[in-house]
Each structure stands twice: as structure tokens, then as C-alpha cells.
Amino acid sequence: MTSRSVDIKQQYGPWALIAGASEGIGLAFADQLAAQGINLVLLSRSQGKLEAAASDIKAKHNVDIRLVAADLTAENCMDSIRSETAGLEIGLLIYNAGAVHGAELFLDDPLEKSLGLVSLNCRGPVLLAHHFGQPMRERKRGGMIFLSSMAAFAGGSYVATYSATKAFDIIFPQSLWHEMAPDNVNVLCLIAGATRTPAMASSGLDLSTEQEGGPAIMDSADVATEGLANLANGPVWIAGEGNRATAEMLAAVPRKDLVEAMSMATANLYDKPYIPVKS
């Protein structure tokens, strides 16, 4: 697909909804969109964090902001989202909602934790894309960005459910990209690697220093910038030159070796025991 750029406000205005907007990459998206005059619906579980984020953005940008405190893993999560966005022309949906997943063997983690990740990373994107995608198709303009992770490229010990659900966040946007392109709706899967966010820090990763031989740890603002710059050039964009080089290298690795490598890397990152599987 030929690389192209678009007028952000014309293609994706006047309102953007950002799920997972109170900190990290989501807050960076909010700040950059507000700087371009896009009004914001900020969605997160924490009302307090949302209010702090809105205060920070309003101090710098003259935009309207609405806050929706909702748990996207809850059965009735769409009730408040529908009511708070009724009558708004949401031209851009950014699904950045995430959880502090940590690292643990699948059978040693509570089942509810794994099911929560399925709800957050699979059910949530489907719900929001279906609700906001239909009016975008009718208007013949709009855009969606779904955040995924480098961890989605292969399974591995300690992050079984997380990696699997983030793989969903690669395949689902690819399909929507193709389905919605004829209606002038851009869809992008934005894949992030290690990024300095509060959630990543809380998961147990030490982000104070670079991993020897690994891609550079990115800042949230840089990830958001690359996402917006490439939204019209889907279906997938990997943020960071180092991450793109790593992904290209991984594509040539046999699957067994790749799962082994991902398991070892995860164990090292989270200071967990690594037990190799002999073929």
C-alpha cells in the first residue's frame, strides 16, 4: 500500500475516543490529538486519573473533553460509554486499554485474571469497534487504532494469555482494515515494544536501563506519534526502528526456536526460572 498522509481533523474529527487514556501511550495520543484541535472522550477505570489527565490537557489545549470511567472487562461496560458519547461524532477510536499482566505460569495464575485479559484485549475491541465503526462507515470517513505488543509474535512461558490476546489485536484490525477501506475508514494495528509507561513499570519490568543487545526502550509520545503518522498506511505498523528490525529477524526463526527464545527472554525480563524444552 502506498504511503500517504491525511488531514487529521478532516478525516478523524471532531471527536476522538481513547480507551486507556489516563496515562502512558493513551495520554500521549490524547495530548497530540488535542494539539491538533480534536475534542476528546477519555476512557479509563480510574475517575481520579482521568480528571488529572483532563486537567493537564486543558492547561495546554483549547478542546472539549468528556470523561468516562468504565471497566472494559465488565459485562455492562457499554452502557456508560453509549450514554456519555450519545450525539457525539466520534471520528477516531484508539483502543489502548491495558492491564498490569505481570508474568506467571498459566496454571499458577487465577483463572479470573486470564479471563479478564481475554475480556480486555479481545471482547473490548470488538464491542467498541462495532459500536463506533458503523457511523464511521455511514459518514465515509474515520479511523481506528488498536494497540498490540511485540509479545504477540510468539507464545512463551509466563505470558500465555497475554501474548495470545495481543495476537488477536493484530489479526482483528487487519480484517477491519480490509473491510472498511472502501468506506474511507482507516484501521491500524500499532505494535509497541518495551515502552516507559506506568503500567509497564508496575508489571515488574526494570525500564531504567536498556536491555543489552535489545531494541531501545521507547517513550510513550514517540509511540503515539508513529501511530498517528501511519494510521492511513495500515494494516500494521511496528513502532520503533529497533522493534521493526527485531520483528523482521523473528520472522525467519523456526517456530519451536522462537517460542523457546520468547520464553527465555520473558524469564530474564521478569527474573523468573527458565527451563528449556528439549526437542
Protein backbone atom coordinates (compact mmCIF):
# COMPACT_ATOMS: atom_id res chain seq x y z
CA MET A 1 0.00 0.00 0.00
CA THR A 2 1.34 3.42 -0.95
CA SER A 3 2.32 5.59 2.00
CA ARG A 4 0.04 8.59 2.42
CA SER A 5 -0.85 11.27 4.93
CA VAL A 6 -4.21 12.83 5.73
CA ASP A 7 -5.61 15.93 7.39
CA ILE A 8 -6.17 14.67 10.94
CA LYS A 9 -9.09 16.95 11.76
CA GLN A 10 -10.85 16.49 8.43
CA GLN A 11 -10.51 12.69 8.36
CA TYR A 12 -10.87 11.89 12.08
CA GLY A 13 -12.56 14.87 13.74
CA PRO A 14 -14.28 16.33 15.54
CA TRP A 15 -14.09 13.82 18.43
CA ALA A 16 -11.69 11.02 19.32
CA LEU A 17 -12.36 8.34 21.93
CA ILE A 18 -9.28 6.91 23.62
CA ALA A 19 -9.65 3.80 25.75
CA GLY A 20 -6.85 3.61 28.29
CA ALA A 21 -6.31 7.36 28.17
CA SER A 22 -5.31 8.24 31.72
CA GLU A 23 -1.58 7.59 31.38
CA GLY A 24 1.20 6.28 29.17
CA ILE A 25 0.63 5.87 25.43
CA GLY A 26 -3.09 6.69 25.67
CA LEU A 27 -2.39 10.02 27.37
CA ALA A 28 0.27 10.77 24.74
CA PHE A 29 -2.30 10.17 21.99
CA ALA A 30 -4.73 12.49 23.79
CA ASP A 31 -2.17 15.28 24.10
CA GLN A 32 -1.14 15.07 20.44
CA LEU A 33 -4.71 15.00 19.16
CA ALA A 34 -5.73 17.92 21.37
CA ALA A 35 -2.81 19.89 19.96
CA GLN A 36 -4.46 19.44 16.54
CA GLY A 37 -7.85 20.62 17.77
CA ILE A 38 -9.55 17.24 18.21
CA ASN A 39 -12.06 17.04 21.09
CA LEU A 40 -11.56 14.07 23.38
CA VAL A 41 -13.50 11.35 25.15
CA LEU A 42 -11.08 9.88 27.69
CA LEU A 43 -11.97 6.41 28.93
CA SER A 44 -10.33 4.57 31.81
CA ARG A 45 -11.25 2.75 35.02
CA SER A 46 -9.96 5.48 37.36
CA GLN A 47 -12.02 8.68 37.63
CA GLY A 48 -9.21 10.36 39.55
CA LYS A 49 -6.57 9.62 36.93
CA LEU A 50 -8.94 10.75 34.17
CA GLU A 51 -9.55 14.07 35.91
CA ALA A 52 -5.82 14.63 36.32
CA ALA A 53 -5.22 13.84 32.65
CA ALA A 54 -8.00 16.17 31.53
CA SER A 55 -6.67 18.99 33.70
CA ASP A 56 -3.21 18.59 32.20
CA ILE A 57 -4.53 18.62 28.62
CA LYS A 58 -6.86 21.58 29.15
CA ALA A 59 -4.00 23.61 30.57
CA LYS A 60 -2.29 23.35 27.18
CA HIS A 61 -5.05 22.97 24.59
CA ASN A 62 -8.44 24.56 23.93
CA VAL A 63 -10.57 21.45 23.34
CA ASP A 64 -13.67 19.89 24.84
CA ILE A 65 -13.09 16.81 26.98
CA ARG A 66 -15.52 14.23 28.31
CA LEU A 67 -14.59 11.58 30.83
CA VAL A 68 -15.92 8.03 31.01
CA ALA A 69 -14.88 5.93 34.00
CA ALA A 70 -15.65 2.37 32.91
CA ASP A 71 -14.21 -1.09 33.41
CA LEU A 72 -13.97 -2.64 29.94
CA THR A 73 -13.98 -6.14 31.42
CA ALA A 74 -17.43 -5.59 32.98
CA GLU A 75 -20.46 -7.17 31.33
CA ASN A 76 -22.32 -3.83 31.12
CA CYS A 77 -19.34 -1.65 30.20
CA MET A 78 -21.01 -0.30 27.06
CA ASP A 79 -23.91 1.25 28.98
CA SER A 80 -21.95 4.24 30.24
CA ILE A 81 -19.94 4.51 27.02
CA ARG A 82 -23.09 4.75 24.92
CA SER A 83 -24.75 7.29 27.21
CA GLU A 84 -21.68 9.55 27.54
CA THR A 85 -20.99 9.61 23.80
CA ALA A 86 -24.57 9.91 22.56
CA GLY A 87 -24.80 12.69 19.99
CA LEU A 88 -21.01 12.96 19.52
CA GLU A 89 -19.38 12.38 16.16
CA ILE A 90 -16.57 10.04 17.14
CA GLY A 91 -14.26 10.03 14.12
CA LEU A 92 -11.32 8.25 15.73
CA LEU A 93 -11.24 5.27 18.09
CA ILE A 94 -7.98 4.39 19.83
CA TYR A 95 -8.02 1.18 21.84
CA ASN A 96 -5.08 1.37 24.20
CA ALA A 97 -6.70 -0.20 27.27
CA GLY A 98 -4.28 -2.45 29.10
CA ALA A 99 -3.70 -4.25 32.36
CA VAL A 100 -0.73 -4.89 34.60
CA HIS A 101 -0.35 -8.50 33.46
CA GLY A 102 2.94 -9.40 35.13
CA ALA A 103 4.48 -12.80 34.45
CA GLU A 104 3.34 -16.13 35.84
CA LEU A 105 2.80 -19.68 34.63
CA PHE A 106 -0.72 -20.08 33.25
CA LEU A 107 -1.81 -22.76 35.75
CA ASP A 108 -0.38 -20.81 38.68
CA ASP A 109 -2.38 -17.68 37.90
CA PRO A 110 -6.02 -17.29 38.95
CA LEU A 111 -8.36 -18.20 36.12
CA GLU A 112 -10.19 -14.89 36.60
CA LYS A 113 -7.01 -13.00 35.70
CA SER A 114 -6.66 -14.78 32.37
CA LEU A 115 -10.34 -14.35 31.56
CA GLY A 116 -10.01 -10.66 32.40
CA LEU A 117 -7.26 -10.32 29.80
CA VAL A 118 -9.48 -12.04 27.23
CA SER A 119 -12.27 -9.57 28.00
CA LEU A 120 -9.98 -6.54 27.92
CA ASN A 121 -7.90 -7.39 24.85
CA CYS A 122 -10.45 -9.28 22.73
CA ARG A 123 -14.02 -8.55 23.79
CA GLY A 124 -13.37 -4.83 24.42
CA PRO A 125 -12.01 -4.04 20.94
CA VAL A 126 -14.91 -5.92 19.32
CA LEU A 127 -17.51 -4.01 21.36
CA LEU A 128 -16.09 -0.56 20.65
CA ALA A 129 -15.25 -1.21 17.00
CA HIS A 130 -18.77 -2.46 16.29
CA HIS A 131 -20.44 0.47 18.07
CA PHE A 132 -18.33 3.31 16.68
CA GLY A 133 -17.43 1.71 13.35
CA GLN A 134 -20.97 1.71 11.99
CA PRO A 135 -21.42 5.51 12.00
CA MET A 136 -17.90 5.89 10.57
CA ARG A 137 -18.91 3.67 7.67
CA GLU A 138 -22.08 5.71 7.15
CA ARG A 139 -20.12 9.01 7.17
CA LYS A 140 -17.48 7.55 4.82
CA ARG A 141 -14.60 8.73 7.00
CA GLY A 142 -12.93 7.84 10.26
CA GLY A 143 -10.16 5.80 11.79
CA MET A 144 -9.32 3.17 14.40
CA ILE A 145 -6.04 2.27 16.11
CA PHE A 146 -5.65 -0.90 18.15
CA LEU A 147 -2.52 -1.30 20.30
CA SER A 148 -0.74 -4.65 20.31
CA SER A 149 2.61 -5.88 21.58
CA MET A 150 5.83 -7.48 20.38
CA ALA A 151 4.87 -10.29 22.77
CA ALA A 152 2.18 -11.28 20.25
CA PHE A 153 4.68 -12.65 17.74
CA ALA A 154 5.01 -15.97 19.55
CA GLY A 155 3.81 -17.83 22.60
CA GLY A 156 6.05 -18.25 25.59
CA SER A 157 6.12 -19.26 29.23
CA TYR A 158 4.78 -16.79 31.81
CA VAL A 159 2.70 -14.69 29.37
CA ALA A 160 0.49 -17.31 27.68
CA THR A 161 -2.84 -15.48 27.84
CA TYR A 162 -1.38 -12.02 27.39
CA SER A 163 0.54 -12.98 24.24
CA ALA A 164 -2.46 -14.82 22.80
CA THR A 165 -4.87 -11.95 23.34
CA LYS A 166 -2.45 -9.41 21.89
CA ALA A 167 -2.19 -11.63 18.80
CA PHE A 168 -5.95 -11.13 18.47
CA ASP A 169 -5.24 -7.38 18.47
CA ILE A 170 -3.10 -7.88 15.36
CA ILE A 171 -5.45 -10.10 13.35
CA PHE A 172 -8.70 -8.28 14.16
CA PRO A 173 -7.52 -4.85 12.89
CA GLN A 174 -6.08 -6.44 9.76
CA SER A 175 -9.51 -7.74 8.85
CA LEU A 176 -11.20 -4.42 9.64
CA TRP A 177 -8.58 -2.58 7.59
CA HIS A 178 -9.59 -4.54 4.51
CA GLU A 179 -13.34 -4.43 5.18
CA MET A 180 -13.54 -0.70 5.90
CA ALA A 181 -11.05 0.67 3.37
CA PRO A 182 -13.76 1.02 0.66
CA ASP A 183 -15.68 3.29 3.06
CA ASN A 184 -12.68 5.58 3.68
CA VAL A 185 -12.19 4.35 7.27
CA ASN A 186 -8.54 3.76 8.14
CA VAL A 187 -7.68 0.94 10.56
CA LEU A 188 -4.26 0.28 12.05
CA CYS A 189 -2.73 -2.23 14.43
CA LEU A 190 0.05 -0.37 16.23
CA ILE A 191 2.58 -2.75 17.77
CA ALA A 192 4.61 -1.40 20.67
CA GLY A 193 7.69 -2.89 22.26
CA ALA A 194 9.10 -2.00 25.67
CA THR A 195 7.80 1.48 26.47
CA ARG A 196 8.24 3.67 29.53
CA THR A 197 4.71 3.66 30.93
CA PRO A 198 3.37 3.38 34.49
CA ALA A 199 1.68 0.07 33.59
CA MET A 200 4.90 -1.45 32.29
CA ALA A 201 6.76 -0.34 35.38
CA SER A 202 4.06 -1.84 37.61
CA SER A 203 4.29 -5.18 35.79
CA GLY A 204 7.74 -5.76 37.25
CA LEU A 205 9.95 -4.71 34.35
CA ASP A 206 13.00 -2.55 35.05
CA LEU A 207 12.76 0.17 32.41
CA SER A 208 15.54 2.33 33.83
CA THR A 209 18.17 0.80 31.56
CA GLU A 210 18.26 -0.69 28.07
CA GLN A 211 18.43 -4.46 27.64
CA GLU A 212 21.83 -5.40 26.24
CA GLY A 213 21.50 -6.27 22.57
CA GLY A 214 17.77 -5.48 22.52
CA PRO A 215 15.75 -2.67 20.95
CA ALA A 216 15.75 0.69 22.68
CA ILE A 217 13.03 1.34 25.24
CA MET A 218 10.65 3.89 23.73
CA ASP A 219 8.84 6.86 25.22
CA SER A 220 5.04 6.97 25.03
CA ALA A 221 4.99 10.15 22.96
CA ASP A 222 7.15 8.57 20.25
CA VAL A 223 4.87 5.53 20.00
CA ALA A 224 1.79 7.76 19.67
CA THR A 225 3.49 9.94 17.06
CA GLU A 226 4.31 6.94 14.89
CA GLY A 227 0.76 5.63 15.26
CA LEU A 228 -0.89 8.82 14.07
CA ALA A 229 1.64 9.27 11.28
CA ASN A 230 0.92 5.78 9.91
CA LEU A 231 -2.81 5.44 10.56
CA ALA A 232 -3.55 5.87 6.86
CA ASN A 233 -0.91 3.29 5.94
CA GLY A 234 -2.24 0.17 7.67
CA PRO A 235 -2.88 -2.56 8.39
CA VAL A 236 0.10 -2.90 10.77
CA TRP A 237 2.84 -0.58 11.98
CA ILE A 238 5.58 -1.54 14.44
CA ALA A 239 6.74 1.44 16.47
CA GLY A 240 10.50 1.92 16.70
CA GLU A 241 13.23 1.13 14.21
CA GLY A 242 14.78 -1.40 16.59
CA ASN A 243 11.47 -3.18 17.08
CA ARG A 244 10.93 -3.35 13.32
CA ALA A 245 14.38 -4.89 12.87
CA THR A 246 13.65 -7.42 15.62
CA ALA A 247 10.31 -8.38 14.04
CA GLU A 248 11.98 -8.95 10.68
CA MET A 249 14.57 -11.17 12.32
CA LEU A 250 11.93 -13.17 14.24
CA ALA A 251 10.01 -13.90 11.04
CA ALA A 252 12.87 -16.12 9.84
CA VAL A 253 13.19 -18.15 13.07
CA PRO A 254 11.60 -21.65 13.19
CA ARG A 255 8.54 -21.68 15.45
CA LYS A 256 9.96 -24.01 18.13
CA ASP A 257 13.09 -21.93 18.41
CA LEU A 258 11.04 -18.75 18.51
CA VAL A 259 8.85 -19.97 21.38
CA GLU A 260 11.98 -21.05 23.21
CA ALA A 261 13.58 -17.65 22.69
CA MET A 262 10.45 -15.78 23.80
CA SER A 263 10.22 -17.93 26.93
CA MET A 264 13.84 -17.30 27.81
CA ALA A 265 13.52 -13.56 27.18
CA THR A 266 10.40 -13.30 29.34
CA ALA A 267 12.03 -15.26 32.16
CA ASN A 268 15.03 -12.95 32.04
CA LEU A 269 12.92 -9.79 31.94
CA TYR A 270 10.85 -10.80 34.97
CA ASP A 271 13.60 -12.64 36.85
CA LYS A 272 11.81 -15.99 36.58
CA PRO A 273 13.26 -19.51 36.28
CA TYR A 274 13.94 -20.57 32.70
CA ILE A 275 13.56 -24.26 31.86
CA PRO A 276 14.34 -25.09 28.21
CA VAL A 277 12.24 -27.64 26.35
CA LYS A 278 14.32 -30.22 24.52
CA SER A 279 13.08 -31.18 21.07
